[in-house]
């Protein structure tokens, strides 16, 4: 992947690529593969139980960012490092005490 290969993942597979990784059993964090550092993905964000989403936000490590990705939605990183929302829903970014939502076509300011 460091030489330009495409990596695609969805749902729990997307969480696994990150470090930290959201543990699907309860919303806490564990160690993932680390292809994306200091970025955690919360899949099915739009329909997740509120208490799981809130737990993941509350336990987010200080240096990390949490990307809540709705169903039928993708957060795509291009070869230049820019992130864009694609699909039907939105992506919500949590970090540093803030929450920001992005719609399809929006660029998401992530430096990971």
Protein backbone atom coordinates (compact mmCIF):
# COMPACT_ATOMS: atom_id res chain seq x y z
CA UNK A 1 0.00 0.00 0.00
CA UNK A 2 2.89 2.39 0.60
CA UNK A 3 3.73 2.15 -3.13
CA UNK A 4 0.26 3.08 -4.34
CA UNK A 5 -1.91 -0.01 -3.97
CA UNK A 6 -5.60 0.54 -3.29
CA UNK A 7 -6.97 -0.64 0.04
CA UNK A 8 -10.72 -0.82 0.57
CA UNK A 9 -12.60 -1.91 3.67
CA UNK A 10 -16.10 -1.58 5.03
CA UNK A 11 -17.80 -2.04 8.38
CA UNK A 12 -15.68 -3.91 10.91
CA UNK A 13 -12.94 -4.30 8.29
CA UNK A 14 -12.53 -0.52 8.18
CA UNK A 15 -12.14 -0.36 11.96
CA UNK A 16 -9.44 -3.03 11.83
CA UNK A 17 -7.19 -0.93 9.57
CA UNK A 18 -6.92 1.79 12.20
CA UNK A 19 -5.01 2.22 15.43
CA UNK A 20 -6.73 2.78 17.75
CA UNK A 21 -9.56 0.51 16.72
CA UNK A 22 -13.15 0.71 18.01
CA UNK A 23 -13.99 -2.61 19.67
CA UNK A 24 -17.39 -3.62 18.23
CA UNK A 25 -18.33 -5.45 21.43
CA UNK A 26 -18.79 -2.27 23.43
CA UNK A 27 -17.39 0.84 21.79
CA UNK A 28 -14.11 0.99 23.75
CA UNK A 29 -10.72 0.95 22.00
CA UNK A 30 -8.18 -1.74 21.28
CA UNK A 31 -5.12 -2.10 19.02
CA UNK A 32 -5.79 -2.36 15.28
CA UNK A 33 -3.46 -3.00 12.34
CA UNK A 34 -2.25 0.59 12.31
CA UNK A 35 -2.38 1.33 8.58
CA UNK A 36 -4.04 4.57 9.69
CA UNK A 37 -2.56 6.00 12.88
CA UNK A 38 -4.53 8.12 15.34
CA UNK A 39 -7.71 7.59 13.31
CA UNK A 40 -10.55 5.35 14.48
CA UNK A 41 -13.57 4.45 12.34
CA UNK A 42 -17.05 3.94 13.80
CA UNK A 43 -19.06 2.12 11.11
CA UNK A 44 -22.86 2.25 10.81
CA UNK A 45 -22.73 5.56 12.66
CA UNK A 46 -26.22 6.62 11.59
CA UNK A 47 -27.99 3.60 13.09
CA UNK A 48 -25.69 2.71 15.99
CA UNK A 49 -27.03 2.62 19.52
CA UNK A 50 -26.53 6.00 21.17
CA UNK A 51 -24.75 4.53 24.19
CA UNK A 52 -22.11 2.82 21.99
CA UNK A 53 -21.47 5.97 19.96
CA UNK A 54 -21.24 8.09 23.14
CA UNK A 55 -18.87 5.58 24.76
CA UNK A 56 -16.53 5.70 21.75
CA UNK A 57 -16.52 9.50 21.81
CA UNK A 58 -15.95 9.64 25.58
CA UNK A 59 -13.06 7.13 25.47
CA UNK A 60 -11.34 8.58 22.38
CA UNK A 61 -7.59 8.88 23.05
CA UNK A 62 -6.45 12.54 23.11
CA UNK A 63 -4.27 12.35 19.97
CA UNK A 64 -6.85 10.42 17.93
CA UNK A 65 -9.77 11.37 15.71
CA UNK A 66 -12.95 9.30 15.41
CA UNK A 67 -14.70 9.14 12.03
CA UNK A 68 -18.34 8.08 12.30
CA UNK A 69 -19.28 6.77 8.85
CA UNK A 70 -22.97 6.33 8.01
CA UNK A 71 -24.38 3.39 6.08
CA UNK A 72 -23.93 3.50 2.28
CA UNK A 73 -21.18 6.09 2.78
CA UNK A 74 -17.42 6.07 2.26
CA UNK A 75 -14.54 8.17 3.49
CA UNK A 76 -12.08 8.06 0.59
CA UNK A 77 -8.41 9.10 0.68
CA UNK A 78 -6.89 10.02 -2.67
CA UNK A 79 -3.19 9.52 -3.56
CA UNK A 80 -2.42 13.11 -2.53
CA UNK A 81 -3.78 12.50 0.98
CA UNK A 82 -7.07 14.40 0.65
CA UNK A 83 -10.14 12.79 2.24
CA UNK A 84 -13.61 13.07 0.64
CA UNK A 85 -17.08 11.84 1.61
CA UNK A 86 -18.80 9.68 -1.03
CA UNK A 87 -22.18 7.94 -1.04
CA UNK A 88 -25.57 8.65 0.51
CA UNK A 89 -24.92 9.62 4.14
CA UNK A 90 -22.51 11.72 6.12
CA UNK A 91 -19.24 11.37 8.00
CA UNK A 92 -18.98 12.87 11.48
CA UNK A 93 -15.54 13.68 12.83
CA UNK A 94 -14.96 13.75 16.59
CA UNK A 95 -11.77 15.04 18.17
CA UNK A 96 -10.34 17.69 20.46
CA UNK A 97 -13.78 18.20 22.01
CA UNK A 98 -15.40 19.03 18.67
CA UNK A 99 -17.92 17.34 16.39
CA UNK A 100 -18.12 18.21 12.68
CA UNK A 101 -20.32 16.62 10.01
CA UNK A 102 -19.52 16.34 6.31
CA UNK A 103 -21.85 15.50 3.40
CA UNK A 104 -21.12 13.73 0.09
CA UNK A 105 -18.58 15.67 -1.95
CA UNK A 106 -17.15 17.48 1.08
CA UNK A 107 -13.42 17.40 1.76
CA UNK A 108 -12.64 16.22 5.30
CA UNK A 109 -9.60 17.89 6.89
CA UNK A 110 -7.62 14.88 8.11
CA UNK A 111 -3.84 14.73 8.04
CA UNK A 112 -3.57 10.98 8.54
